[in-house]
């Protein structure tokens, strides 16, 4: 089959590289961020210090931004339509890691295959939303707001709604994004925080005189702001005593120097500190592979696999309370274009790892890749709604009894991905 040519570059005005905007002014100036952390009743210092508190479950959401090619990560390896449509990009049968009679894992993600064998990794293919714009901005916005498509948007993120309808400690670390800016999924929550780096989460002036002044300022008031101030100071003191940079990974884990690996290292650190974090958000950028896809994914896929492997190795026994979901806003077209890449598609690939995941299985319906199976633009059809996965995870792992309030208008199909 001849290679199709659509377009080689993405002209959307949406950043698909790591944001450069810094929130250091909020994070490093100490009290400047207190207003966003206010809550009627909080116990942040007790959360940070009380060894008797039971260790809560944590969900880590990793977003592959740019439209990661699901067919390059998990391929229907025996399908002739797949191989004919991708004359240079099709996965090598000899190198691929078999999953079942239909699908195989990319050899560039081979370090994750052991989790499949241990039934700690599950996959949902042909997964996505109802958004058909093939716009990064619209598709990401719909997903992060927990909607079917951009026409249903009402404001606020799906994680923020989860936090609003479930009880939990009002810690500034209840939901954390290792990002320069707060992702849309957390907008609307007063219990969410964006941190570019934990090393920046310090008082700007660390002198003893400044600490005494802040302690005096917030030592007496008993109103909401006063309580938030005292407890935030206690949290800063607790973290200051345990510098993340001086805390080596455990269990022989080795993290790469790329941004994703370092973000997951800091998430692992926060999980071990047990400071009330329930949800962590991390992003990986640059997945928009219109041209020379093999070269682009030749870097991104090993970085992704190695970072996830290091994270799960680092946590070791702690993974019994941690569930990881890897998502993307949409997949790529089946057909390879003339730039040796793939263009924006629809159905993508979602991964789930860790606690509560019934792994070793590709879940959901698979539409097939014949011309009749594809949609009009040549895309893998979306047969499995991403919200069904998140609904199961929220209900099973975070004890949310009101997932219909988190994903309005979605009754949901039970995939059975969580035990």
Protein backbone atom coordinates (compact mmCIF):
# COMPACT_ATOMS: atom_id res chain seq x y z
CA UNK A 1 0.00 0.00 0.00
CA UNK A 2 1.34 3.45 -0.86
CA UNK A 3 2.31 5.72 1.97
CA UNK A 4 -0.24 8.44 2.62
CA UNK A 5 0.73 12.08 2.94
CA UNK A 6 -1.40 14.32 5.09
CA UNK A 7 0.79 16.86 6.83
CA UNK A 8 4.25 16.78 8.33
CA UNK A 9 3.95 19.29 11.10
CA UNK A 10 1.43 20.40 13.66
CA UNK A 11 0.40 24.03 13.41
CA UNK A 12 -1.75 24.11 16.53
CA UNK A 13 -0.93 26.80 19.04
CA UNK A 14 -0.55 24.42 21.95
CA UNK A 15 2.70 23.63 23.72
CA UNK A 16 3.70 20.01 23.30
CA UNK A 17 7.13 20.52 24.81
CA UNK A 18 7.70 20.93 28.52
CA UNK A 19 6.26 24.29 29.67
CA UNK A 20 8.87 26.91 30.45
CA UNK A 21 6.69 29.04 32.70
CA UNK A 22 7.88 28.78 36.30
CA UNK A 23 5.74 28.81 39.39
CA UNK A 24 8.81 29.40 41.52
CA UNK A 25 7.38 32.69 42.69
CA UNK A 26 4.47 30.80 44.21
CA UNK A 27 6.43 27.83 45.51
CA UNK A 28 9.57 29.50 46.80
CA UNK A 29 8.07 32.62 48.32
CA UNK A 30 6.63 30.68 51.20
CA UNK A 31 3.42 32.36 52.28
CA UNK A 32 2.41 33.56 48.83
CA UNK A 33 0.77 30.22 48.12
CA UNK A 34 -1.15 29.90 51.38
CA UNK A 35 -4.45 31.29 50.16
CA UNK A 36 -4.83 28.48 47.63
CA UNK A 37 -4.34 25.93 50.43
CA UNK A 38 -6.94 27.26 52.83
CA UNK A 39 -9.44 24.78 54.25
CA UNK A 40 -11.85 24.88 57.20
CA UNK A 41 -10.14 22.01 59.03
CA UNK A 42 -6.65 20.78 58.30
CA UNK A 43 -4.02 18.64 59.96
CA UNK A 44 -1.08 18.95 57.65
CA UNK A 45 1.61 18.73 60.30
CA UNK A 46 -0.01 15.63 61.77
CA UNK A 47 -0.18 14.05 58.31
CA UNK A 48 3.51 14.70 57.83
CA UNK A 49 4.63 13.43 61.22
CA UNK A 50 2.16 10.89 62.59
CA UNK A 51 3.60 7.39 62.07
CA UNK A 52 0.37 5.75 63.25
CA UNK A 53 -1.69 7.09 60.36
CA UNK A 54 -2.58 4.37 57.86
CA UNK A 55 -0.81 4.73 54.52
CA UNK A 56 -3.35 5.71 51.88
CA UNK A 57 -3.60 4.50 48.29
CA UNK A 58 -2.17 6.72 45.56
CA UNK A 59 -3.04 7.06 41.88
CA UNK A 60 -0.37 8.39 39.52
CA UNK A 61 -1.63 9.77 36.19
CA UNK A 62 1.01 10.04 33.47
CA UNK A 63 -0.11 11.99 30.38
CA UNK A 64 1.79 11.45 27.11
CA UNK A 65 1.18 14.81 25.44
CA UNK A 66 1.22 15.12 21.68
CA UNK A 67 -0.79 12.05 20.73
CA UNK A 68 1.34 8.96 21.37
CA UNK A 69 1.10 6.29 18.68
CA UNK A 70 -0.62 3.35 20.35
CA UNK A 71 0.16 1.10 17.38
CA UNK A 72 3.88 1.75 17.92
CA UNK A 73 3.61 0.76 21.58
CA UNK A 74 1.23 -2.20 21.32
CA UNK A 75 0.77 -3.61 17.81
CA UNK A 76 -1.63 -6.18 16.34
CA UNK A 77 1.49 -7.94 15.22
CA UNK A 78 -0.10 -10.59 12.96
CA UNK A 79 -2.47 -8.22 11.15
CA UNK A 80 -1.50 -7.85 7.48
CA UNK A 81 -3.34 -4.51 7.31
CA UNK A 82 -1.02 -3.17 10.00
CA UNK A 83 2.13 -4.28 8.19
CA UNK A 84 0.99 -3.09 4.73
CA UNK A 85 -0.01 0.31 6.07
CA UNK A 86 3.33 0.88 7.75
CA UNK A 87 6.06 -0.24 5.34
CA UNK A 88 8.89 1.31 7.39
CA UNK A 89 7.26 1.77 10.80
CA UNK A 90 5.69 -1.62 11.47
CA UNK A 91 7.05 -3.39 14.54
CA UNK A 92 9.49 -6.22 13.89
CA UNK A 93 7.98 -9.59 14.73
CA UNK A 94 11.39 -10.93 15.69
CA UNK A 95 12.00 -8.18 18.25
CA UNK A 96 8.49 -7.56 19.59
CA UNK A 97 7.50 -8.92 23.01
CA UNK A 98 4.38 -11.12 22.65
CA UNK A 99 1.40 -10.26 24.84
CA UNK A 100 -1.31 -12.55 23.50
CA UNK A 101 -2.34 -14.13 20.21
CA UNK A 102 -3.04 -10.70 18.68
CA UNK A 103 -0.87 -8.06 20.31
CA UNK A 104 2.83 -7.51 20.98
CA UNK A 105 4.70 -4.91 23.02
CA UNK A 106 7.29 -2.68 21.39
CA UNK A 107 10.85 -3.93 21.93
CA UNK A 108 11.64 -0.39 23.06
CA UNK A 109 9.32 -1.03 26.01
CA UNK A 110 10.72 -4.49 26.70
CA UNK A 111 11.74 -3.47 30.23
CA UNK A 112 8.01 -3.37 31.07
CA UNK A 113 7.23 -6.86 29.79
CA UNK A 114 8.04 -8.41 33.19
CA UNK A 115 5.13 -6.47 34.68
CA UNK A 116 2.86 -8.07 32.09
CA UNK A 117 4.14 -11.50 33.03
CA UNK A 118 3.66 -10.69 36.73
CA UNK A 119 0.11 -9.55 35.90
CA UNK A 120 0.86 -6.05 37.16
CA UNK A 121 0.33 -4.37 33.77
CA UNK A 122 -2.93 -4.11 31.85
CA UNK A 123 -3.61 -2.48 28.48
CA UNK A 124 -6.71 -0.90 26.96
CA UNK A 125 -6.36 -0.42 23.20
CA UNK A 126 -8.61 1.57 20.84
CA UNK A 127 -9.11 3.85 23.84
CA UNK A 128 -10.00 7.52 23.83
CA UNK A 129 -12.76 10.10 24.00
CA UNK A 130 -15.54 11.10 21.64
CA UNK A 131 -13.62 14.19 20.49
CA UNK A 132 -13.22 14.11 16.71
CA UNK A 133 -11.42 17.42 16.17
CA UNK A 134 -7.98 15.75 16.14
CA UNK A 135 -6.83 18.91 17.89
CA UNK A 136 -4.31 18.48 20.68
CA UNK A 137 -5.83 21.35 22.62
CA UNK A 138 -9.43 20.20 22.33
CA UNK A 139 -8.67 16.52 22.94
CA UNK A 140 -6.48 17.17 25.98
CA UNK A 141 -8.99 19.63 27.37
CA UNK A 142 -11.87 17.18 27.00
CA UNK A 143 -9.93 14.39 28.71
CA UNK A 144 -8.60 16.50 31.54
CA UNK A 145 -12.07 17.80 32.25
CA UNK A 146 -13.41 14.25 32.18
CA UNK A 147 -15.78 14.82 29.26
CA UNK A 148 -16.61 12.98 26.07
CA UNK A 149 -15.74 15.93 23.84
CA UNK A 150 -15.08 19.64 23.99
CA UNK A 151 -18.73 20.51 23.39
CA UNK A 152 -19.62 19.15 26.83
CA UNK A 153 -17.11 21.23 28.78
CA UNK A 154 -18.45 22.89 31.90
CA UNK A 155 -15.21 23.86 33.64
CA UNK A 156 -13.11 22.18 36.28
CA UNK A 157 -10.98 19.08 36.10
CA UNK A 158 -12.02 15.48 36.75
CA UNK A 159 -9.47 15.03 39.53
CA UNK A 160 -10.69 18.23 41.16
CA UNK A 161 -14.25 16.83 41.12
CA UNK A 162 -13.00 13.59 42.64
CA UNK A 163 -11.36 15.51 45.48
CA UNK A 164 -14.54 17.55 46.00
CA UNK A 165 -16.84 14.54 46.41
CA UNK A 166 -14.56 12.40 48.58
CA UNK A 167 -13.43 12.98 52.15
CA UNK A 168 -9.75 13.45 52.71
CA UNK A 169 -7.17 15.45 54.58
CA UNK A 170 -6.91 19.01 53.29
CA UNK A 171 -3.19 18.75 52.70
CA UNK A 172 -1.53 20.92 50.07
CA UNK A 173 -0.12 17.60 48.87
CA UNK A 174 -3.45 15.79 48.45
CA UNK A 175 -3.09 16.19 44.68
CA UNK A 176 0.29 17.13 43.26
CA UNK A 177 1.40 17.89 39.71
CA UNK A 178 5.13 17.74 39.00
CA UNK A 179 4.63 20.51 36.47
CA UNK A 180 5.39 24.19 35.96
CA UNK A 181 1.67 24.92 35.74
CA UNK A 182 -1.39 23.23 37.19
CA UNK A 183 -2.87 20.78 34.64
CA UNK A 184 -6.49 21.20 33.65
CA UNK A 185 -7.46 17.98 35.44
CA UNK A 186 -6.73 19.71 38.78
CA UNK A 187 -8.31 23.09 38.08
CA UNK A 188 -11.00 24.03 40.57
CA UNK A 189 -9.44 22.25 43.54
CA UNK A 190 -8.11 23.95 46.66
CA UNK A 191 -6.22 20.79 47.59
CA UNK A 192 -4.00 20.71 44.50
CA UNK A 193 -0.49 21.96 43.98
CA UNK A 194 1.89 22.32 41.03
CA UNK A 195 5.56 21.88 41.85
CA UNK A 196 8.26 22.22 39.21
CA UNK A 197 10.73 20.62 41.61
CA UNK A 198 10.61 19.66 45.29
CA UNK A 199 13.99 21.33 45.72
CA UNK A 200 12.23 24.64 45.01
CA UNK A 201 9.57 24.04 47.65
CA UNK A 202 11.35 26.15 50.26
CA UNK A 203 11.00 29.50 51.93
CA UNK A 204 12.66 32.11 49.75
CA UNK A 205 14.56 33.50 52.72
CA UNK A 206 15.77 30.53 54.78
CA UNK A 207 17.41 32.59 57.53
CA UNK A 208 16.49 31.90 61.14
CA UNK A 209 15.23 35.47 61.53
CA UNK A 210 12.81 35.01 58.62
CA UNK A 211 11.58 31.71 60.04
CA UNK A 212 10.96 33.32 63.42
CA UNK A 213 9.07 36.17 61.77
CA UNK A 214 6.84 33.74 59.83
CA UNK A 215 6.26 31.64 62.93
CA UNK A 216 5.30 34.73 64.88
CA UNK A 217 3.02 35.98 62.11
CA UNK A 218 1.08 32.73 61.92
CA UNK A 219 1.57 31.53 65.48
CA UNK A 220 -1.38 33.27 67.02
CA UNK A 221 -4.32 33.52 64.61
CA UNK A 222 -6.86 30.71 64.74
CA UNK A 223 -8.75 31.67 61.58
CA UNK A 224 -8.53 29.75 58.31
CA UNK A 225 -5.50 31.67 57.04
CA UNK A 226 -3.72 31.34 60.37
CA UNK A 227 -4.21 27.57 60.49
CA UNK A 228 -3.09 27.20 56.87
CA UNK A 229 0.00 29.29 57.63
CA UNK A 230 1.05 27.28 60.68
CA UNK A 231 0.49 23.97 58.99
CA UNK A 232 2.25 24.97 55.80
CA UNK A 233 5.26 26.09 57.84
CA UNK A 234 5.23 22.71 59.56
CA UNK A 235 5.12 20.96 56.18
CA UNK A 236 7.98 23.08 54.85
CA UNK A 237 10.02 22.26 57.94
CA UNK A 238 9.33 18.56 57.57
CA UNK A 239 10.38 18.52 53.90
CA UNK A 240 13.37 20.77 54.56
CA UNK A 241 14.70 18.15 56.97
CA UNK A 242 14.47 15.52 54.22
CA UNK A 243 15.96 16.98 51.05
CA UNK A 244 14.77 14.95 48.03
CA UNK A 245 18.14 15.41 46.35
CA UNK A 246 19.84 13.70 49.27
CA UNK A 247 17.39 10.79 49.28
CA UNK A 248 18.71 8.09 46.91
CA UNK A 249 16.33 5.73 45.11
CA UNK A 250 15.74 2.43 46.84
CA UNK A 251 15.89 -1.24 45.78
CA UNK A 252 18.63 -0.59 43.24
CA UNK A 253 16.49 1.70 41.07
CA UNK A 254 18.31 3.96 38.62
CA UNK A 255 16.54 6.97 37.13
CA UNK A 256 17.53 8.67 33.89
CA UNK A 257 18.33 12.37 33.74
CA UNK A 258 15.35 13.25 31.51
CA UNK A 259 12.45 15.28 32.87
CA UNK A 260 9.98 12.40 33.09
CA UNK A 261 12.34 10.19 35.06
CA UNK A 262 13.18 12.96 37.50
CA UNK A 263 9.51 13.84 37.97
CA UNK A 264 8.66 10.21 38.78
CA UNK A 265 11.59 10.07 41.19
CA UNK A 266 10.10 12.97 43.11
CA UNK A 267 6.64 11.36 43.07
CA UNK A 268 8.19 8.21 44.56
CA UNK A 269 9.82 10.35 47.25
CA UNK A 270 6.50 11.97 48.17
CA UNK A 271 4.76 8.59 48.29
CA UNK A 272 7.36 7.25 50.72
CA UNK A 273 7.02 10.34 52.93
CA UNK A 274 3.30 9.56 53.30
CA UNK A 275 2.12 13.15 53.56
CA UNK A 276 -1.45 12.67 52.44
CA UNK A 277 -0.95 12.61 48.67
CA UNK A 278 -3.75 10.75 46.87
CA UNK A 279 -3.17 11.73 43.23
CA UNK A 280 0.02 12.68 41.40
CA UNK A 281 0.09 14.06 37.86
CA UNK A 282 3.12 13.84 35.58
CA UNK A 283 3.49 14.65 31.89
CA UNK A 284 5.78 13.49 29.12
CA UNK A 285 6.09 15.77 26.09
CA UNK A 286 6.98 15.58 22.42
CA UNK A 287 4.85 12.64 21.21
CA UNK A 288 3.59 14.43 18.08
CA UNK A 289 5.41 12.28 15.53
CA UNK A 290 4.41 13.61 12.09
CA UNK A 291 7.88 13.04 10.66
CA UNK A 292 10.73 10.59 11.31
CA UNK A 293 8.61 8.80 13.91
CA UNK A 294 11.13 5.98 14.37
CA UNK A 295 13.77 8.46 15.52
CA UNK A 296 11.38 10.35 17.81
CA UNK A 297 9.98 7.25 19.47
CA UNK A 298 13.44 5.72 19.55
CA UNK A 299 14.15 8.22 22.32
CA UNK A 300 10.75 8.64 23.94
CA UNK A 301 9.74 4.99 24.29
CA UNK A 302 12.89 3.84 26.13
CA UNK A 303 12.73 6.96 28.32
CA UNK A 304 9.13 6.12 29.18
CA UNK A 305 9.79 2.45 29.86
CA UNK A 306 12.93 3.04 31.89
CA UNK A 307 11.30 5.79 33.96
CA UNK A 308 8.29 3.61 34.82
CA UNK A 309 10.54 0.64 35.60
CA UNK A 310 12.75 2.77 37.88
CA UNK A 311 9.70 4.22 39.62
CA UNK A 312 8.14 0.84 40.37
CA UNK A 313 11.48 -0.67 41.38
CA UNK A 314 12.20 2.30 43.64
CA UNK A 315 8.88 1.95 45.48
CA UNK A 316 9.18 -1.80 45.89
CA UNK A 317 6.63 -2.93 48.52
CA UNK A 318 5.01 0.53 48.44
CA UNK A 319 3.62 -0.35 45.00
CA UNK A 320 0.98 -2.37 46.85
CA UNK A 321 -0.80 0.94 47.38
CA UNK A 322 0.10 2.71 44.12
CA UNK A 323 -1.74 2.52 40.80
CA UNK A 324 -0.26 4.11 37.66
CA UNK A 325 -2.27 5.07 34.59
CA UNK A 326 -0.56 6.12 31.34
CA UNK A 327 -2.80 7.95 28.88
CA UNK A 328 -2.60 10.16 25.79
CA UNK A 329 -5.11 12.52 24.16
CA UNK A 330 -5.45 10.47 20.95
CA UNK A 331 -3.58 7.90 18.88
CA UNK A 332 -2.19 8.20 15.35
CA UNK A 333 -3.52 7.21 11.97
CA UNK A 334 -2.92 3.67 10.82
CA UNK A 335 -1.23 4.79 7.60
CA UNK A 336 2.39 5.88 7.53
CA UNK A 337 2.76 9.23 5.75
CA UNK A 338 5.41 10.29 3.27
CA UNK A 339 7.42 11.91 6.05
CA UNK A 340 7.95 8.50 7.64
CA UNK A 341 5.62 9.52 10.44
CA UNK A 342 1.96 9.32 11.34
CA UNK A 343 -0.71 11.98 11.62
CA UNK A 344 -3.31 12.71 14.27
CA UNK A 345 -5.75 9.86 14.80
CA UNK A 346 -8.30 8.78 17.37
CA UNK A 347 -8.06 5.43 19.14
CA UNK A 348 -4.96 5.21 21.31
CA UNK A 349 -3.44 2.96 23.93
CA UNK A 350 -3.79 3.22 27.71
CA UNK A 351 -1.68 1.36 30.28
CA UNK A 352 -2.40 0.58 33.93
CA UNK A 353 0.16 -0.71 36.43
CA UNK A 354 0.36 -1.68 40.05
CA UNK A 355 -2.06 -2.01 42.91
CA UNK A 356 -5.49 -3.42 42.14
CA UNK A 357 -4.75 -3.91 38.43
CA UNK A 358 -5.72 -7.28 36.97
CA UNK A 359 -2.83 -7.39 34.59
CA UNK A 360 -1.66 -9.67 31.83
CA UNK A 361 -4.62 -8.81 29.61
CA UNK A 362 -5.60 -6.41 26.81
CA UNK A 363 -9.02 -5.13 27.85
CA UNK A 364 -11.96 -3.82 25.87
CA UNK A 365 -13.13 -4.21 22.30
CA UNK A 366 -10.72 -4.16 19.36
CA UNK A 367 -12.26 -2.76 16.13
CA UNK A 368 -9.78 -4.24 13.67
CA UNK A 369 -7.74 -2.53 10.94
CA UNK A 370 -9.48 -3.38 7.67
CA UNK A 371 -10.58 -0.33 5.66
CA UNK A 372 -14.16 -1.03 6.77
CA UNK A 373 -13.07 -1.13 10.42
CA UNK A 374 -11.37 2.28 10.36
CA UNK A 375 -13.23 5.54 10.56
CA UNK A 376 -13.51 7.83 7.54
CA UNK A 377 -10.12 9.45 8.10
CA UNK A 378 -8.26 6.16 8.41
CA UNK A 379 -8.08 6.13 12.18
CA UNK A 380 -8.38 3.32 14.67
CA UNK A 381 -11.92 3.67 16.02
CA UNK A 382 -12.44 4.52 19.67
CA UNK A 383 -14.18 1.48 21.10
CA UNK A 384 -13.27 1.97 24.76
CA UNK A 385 -13.97 5.12 26.76
CA UNK A 386 -11.03 6.35 28.83
CA UNK A 387 -13.47 7.41 31.58
CA UNK A 388 -14.43 3.80 32.22
CA UNK A 389 -10.85 3.06 33.26
CA UNK A 390 -10.62 6.09 35.54
CA UNK A 391 -14.02 5.33 37.05
CA UNK A 392 -12.90 1.84 38.03
CA UNK A 393 -9.65 3.12 39.47
CA UNK A 394 -11.35 5.85 41.49
CA UNK A 395 -13.96 3.48 42.87
CA UNK A 396 -11.61 0.58 43.55
CA UNK A 397 -8.41 2.31 44.65
CA UNK A 398 -9.53 5.64 46.11
CA UNK A 399 -12.91 4.56 47.45
CA UNK A 400 -14.96 7.06 45.46
CA UNK A 401 -18.66 6.07 45.62
CA UNK A 402 -19.77 8.91 43.35
CA UNK A 403 -17.87 8.44 40.10
CA UNK A 404 -20.95 9.63 38.18
CA UNK A 405 -20.36 13.03 39.77
CA UNK A 406 -16.77 12.96 38.56
CA UNK A 407 -17.73 11.99 35.01
CA UNK A 408 -21.20 13.52 34.47
CA UNK A 409 -23.39 11.85 31.90
CA UNK A 410 -21.29 8.71 31.68
CA UNK A 411 -22.98 5.59 33.04
CA UNK A 412 -19.88 3.62 32.12
CA UNK A 413 -18.99 0.14 31.00
CA UNK A 414 -17.25 -2.15 33.47
CA UNK A 415 -14.05 -3.37 31.87
CA UNK A 416 -12.96 -5.30 34.94
CA UNK A 417 -9.47 -3.85 34.87
CA UNK A 418 -9.39 -3.41 38.65
CA UNK A 419 -9.75 -6.26 41.10
